[in-house]
Amino acid sequence: MKSFAFASALAALLLAGCTTVEPPPPPIYAGPTARLDDSGIRESGGKVQLFAATGIDGRPIANASSDSHSASWGQGYAMSVVLTTRRVPARAMRIKLLGTHQTAAPIHEIASRAAGTFFSVEGVVDFQPEGGRHYIVKGELKKAGSSVWIEDRETGRVVTEKVVGK
């Protein structure tokens, strides 16, 4: 009985030192913002081109690729496209961009890659959005060098470096 009491006391002491500490909530940004939209082009009922911002300053964000993948789950060859839009702070940042073909069914992607008609490019660019402006991720997917960039939605002016693939 003594050894049980000792073991219980020791376990309680050890467990008392184990606590879960929740990280503080992220700071609330109260400054000016801009809007950044993803874009896409439907090639067929089961294949699209998507141009998306997938990360800000090294942190992943919701985007058209992941949102469309989730929306298409379990629909066979039918691709549901979700073009994500988000508010971003009007400050200098590093944005990860993705330009890719996306298919509803994995076998369709495998067949497209085998046929040489599936292209993808990604990279990180510096982006300095202005408060109140509206931007869009654009790109082109082609065999001889795919690219992705951000442009001002109202003027069409390219506002970042272009990420160019091979």
Protein backbone atom coordinates (compact mmCIF):
# COMPACT_ATOMS: atom_id res chain seq x y z
CA MET A 1 0.00 0.00 0.00
CA LYS A 2 2.90 2.31 0.84
CA SER A 3 4.47 1.77 -2.59
CA PHE A 4 1.13 2.54 -4.30
CA ALA A 5 0.79 5.80 -2.36
CA PHE A 6 4.39 6.72 -3.18
CA ALA A 7 3.88 5.92 -6.90
CA SER A 8 0.66 7.93 -6.97
CA ALA A 9 2.31 10.91 -5.30
CA LEU A 10 5.27 10.71 -7.71
CA ALA A 11 2.96 10.51 -10.74
CA ALA A 12 0.95 13.49 -9.50
CA LEU A 13 4.14 15.48 -8.97
CA LEU A 14 5.44 14.63 -12.45
CA LEU A 15 2.14 15.41 -14.12
CA ALA A 16 1.83 18.69 -12.27
CA GLY A 17 4.91 19.88 -14.17
CA CYS A 18 3.22 19.13 -17.52
CA THR A 19 1.00 21.96 -18.60
CA THR A 20 -0.35 23.01 -21.94
CA VAL A 21 0.42 26.57 -22.82
CA GLU A 22 -1.66 28.09 -25.59
CA PRO A 23 0.16 30.57 -27.80
CA PRO A 24 -1.11 34.12 -27.63
CA PRO A 25 -3.64 35.04 -30.29
CA PRO A 26 -2.21 36.72 -33.38
CA PRO A 27 -2.19 40.48 -33.19
CA ILE A 28 -5.23 42.11 -34.74
CA TYR A 29 -4.28 44.22 -37.74
CA ALA A 30 -6.17 47.51 -37.73
CA GLY A 31 -4.40 49.28 -40.61
CA PRO A 32 -5.30 49.65 -44.29
CA THR A 33 -5.86 46.52 -46.38
CA ALA A 34 -5.94 45.51 -50.03
CA ARG A 35 -7.83 42.69 -51.73
CA LEU A 36 -5.93 39.83 -53.40
CA ASP A 37 -7.82 37.35 -55.58
CA ASP A 38 -6.77 34.03 -57.10
CA SER A 39 -7.77 33.33 -60.71
CA GLY A 40 -8.35 30.38 -62.99
CA ILE A 41 -9.19 29.20 -66.49
CA ARG A 42 -11.36 26.13 -67.13
CA GLU A 43 -9.91 23.87 -69.83
CA SER A 44 -12.56 21.15 -69.50
CA GLY A 45 -15.08 19.82 -67.00
CA GLY A 46 -12.28 18.05 -65.13
CA LYS A 47 -9.19 20.20 -65.71
CA VAL A 48 -8.42 23.83 -64.88
CA GLN A 49 -5.52 26.25 -64.72
CA LEU A 50 -5.23 27.91 -61.30
CA PHE A 51 -3.12 30.92 -60.29
CA ALA A 52 -3.01 31.40 -56.53
CA ALA A 53 -1.29 33.02 -53.57
CA THR A 54 -0.50 30.07 -51.27
CA GLY A 55 1.54 31.74 -48.53
CA ILE A 56 2.36 35.07 -46.91
CA ASP A 57 5.70 35.58 -45.17
CA GLY A 58 6.28 31.82 -44.94
CA ARG A 59 2.82 30.96 -43.56
CA PRO A 60 0.35 28.95 -45.67
CA ILE A 61 -2.99 30.59 -46.49
CA ALA A 62 -6.28 29.41 -47.97
CA ASN A 63 -6.05 29.40 -51.77
CA ALA A 64 -7.83 28.37 -54.96
CA SER A 65 -5.82 25.16 -55.32
CA SER A 66 -6.61 23.73 -51.88
CA ASP A 67 -10.16 25.13 -51.85
CA SER A 68 -10.94 23.68 -55.30
CA HIS A 69 -9.42 20.33 -54.33
CA SER A 70 -11.67 20.18 -51.26
CA ALA A 71 -14.76 21.24 -53.23
CA SER A 72 -14.09 18.56 -55.89
CA TRP A 73 -13.53 15.68 -53.48
CA GLY A 74 -15.71 12.69 -54.30
CA GLN A 75 -17.09 14.11 -57.58
CA GLY A 76 -15.18 11.82 -59.96
CA TYR A 77 -14.04 13.74 -63.04
CA ALA A 78 -16.08 16.87 -62.23
CA MET A 79 -13.88 19.77 -61.12
CA SER A 80 -15.47 22.39 -58.84
CA VAL A 81 -13.47 25.61 -59.03
CA VAL A 82 -13.30 27.90 -55.99
CA LEU A 83 -11.47 31.17 -56.65
CA THR A 84 -10.29 32.39 -53.27
CA THR A 85 -10.24 36.07 -52.33
CA ARG A 86 -8.68 37.55 -49.23
CA ARG A 87 -7.81 40.84 -47.52
CA VAL A 88 -4.10 41.46 -46.97
CA PRO A 89 -2.42 44.19 -44.94
CA ALA A 90 -1.07 47.13 -46.94
CA ARG A 91 2.58 46.50 -46.10
CA ALA A 92 5.63 44.85 -47.66
CA MET A 93 5.39 41.05 -47.68
CA ARG A 94 6.70 37.93 -49.37
CA ILE A 95 4.00 36.04 -51.25
CA LYS A 96 4.30 32.43 -52.43
CA LEU A 97 2.62 32.08 -55.82
CA LEU A 98 1.45 28.93 -57.61
CA GLY A 99 0.40 28.47 -61.21
CA THR A 100 -0.73 24.92 -61.93
CA HIS A 101 -3.04 22.66 -63.84
CA GLN A 102 -5.41 20.90 -61.49
CA THR A 103 -7.65 17.95 -62.19
CA ALA A 104 -10.58 16.46 -60.32
CA ALA A 105 -9.30 12.87 -60.54
CA PRO A 106 -5.69 11.82 -59.87
CA ILE A 107 -5.71 9.50 -62.90
CA HIS A 108 -6.52 12.52 -65.09
CA GLU A 109 -3.42 14.30 -63.76
CA ILE A 110 -1.27 11.22 -64.40
CA ALA A 111 -2.58 10.99 -67.97
CA SER A 112 -2.03 14.75 -68.54
CA ARG A 113 1.55 14.53 -67.27
CA ALA A 114 2.21 11.52 -69.51
CA ALA A 115 0.80 13.44 -72.50
CA GLY A 116 2.96 16.49 -71.67
CA THR A 117 -0.07 18.75 -71.05
CA PHE A 118 0.22 19.30 -67.29
CA PHE A 119 2.31 22.31 -66.21
CA SER A 120 3.10 23.93 -62.87
CA VAL A 121 5.27 26.75 -61.54
CA GLU A 122 5.75 28.23 -58.07
CA GLY A 123 7.97 30.71 -56.31
CA VAL A 124 8.13 33.61 -53.87
CA VAL A 125 7.91 37.30 -54.81
CA ASP A 126 8.07 40.60 -52.95
CA PHE A 127 4.70 42.36 -52.85
CA GLN A 128 3.83 45.84 -51.57
CA PRO A 129 0.06 46.27 -51.82
CA GLU A 130 -1.48 49.72 -51.45
CA GLY A 131 -4.43 50.18 -49.12
CA GLY A 132 -7.80 50.11 -50.87
CA ARG A 133 -6.42 48.56 -54.09
CA HIS A 134 -7.59 45.31 -55.71
CA TYR A 135 -5.01 42.78 -56.98
CA ILE A 136 -5.21 39.44 -58.78
CA VAL A 137 -2.83 36.52 -59.24
CA LYS A 138 -2.43 35.83 -62.97
CA GLY A 139 -0.26 33.56 -65.06
CA GLU A 140 0.14 31.35 -68.05
CA LEU A 141 0.81 27.64 -68.29
CA LYS A 142 2.65 26.43 -71.36
CA LYS A 143 5.24 23.90 -72.37
CA ALA A 144 7.91 26.51 -73.11
CA GLY A 145 7.94 28.28 -69.72
CA SER A 146 5.00 28.78 -67.42
CA SER A 147 4.79 31.90 -65.26
CA VAL A 148 2.78 33.47 -62.45
CA TRP A 149 2.61 37.04 -61.07
CA ILE A 150 0.37 39.60 -59.33
CA GLU A 151 -1.21 42.49 -61.16
CA ASP A 152 -3.44 45.43 -60.28
CA ARG A 153 -6.95 44.24 -61.12
CA GLU A 154 -8.20 47.67 -62.24
CA THR A 155 -5.23 48.74 -64.39
CA GLY A 156 -3.79 45.38 -65.46
CA ARG A 157 -0.33 46.62 -64.44
CA VAL A 158 2.03 43.86 -63.26
CA VAL A 159 3.10 44.77 -59.69
CA THR A 160 5.46 41.88 -58.82
CA GLU A 161 8.29 40.06 -60.44
CA LYS A 162 7.15 37.15 -62.65
CA VAL A 163 7.96 33.66 -61.39
CA VAL A 164 9.07 31.76 -64.50
CA GLY A 165 9.37 27.98 -64.76
CA LYS A 166 11.34 25.86 -67.14
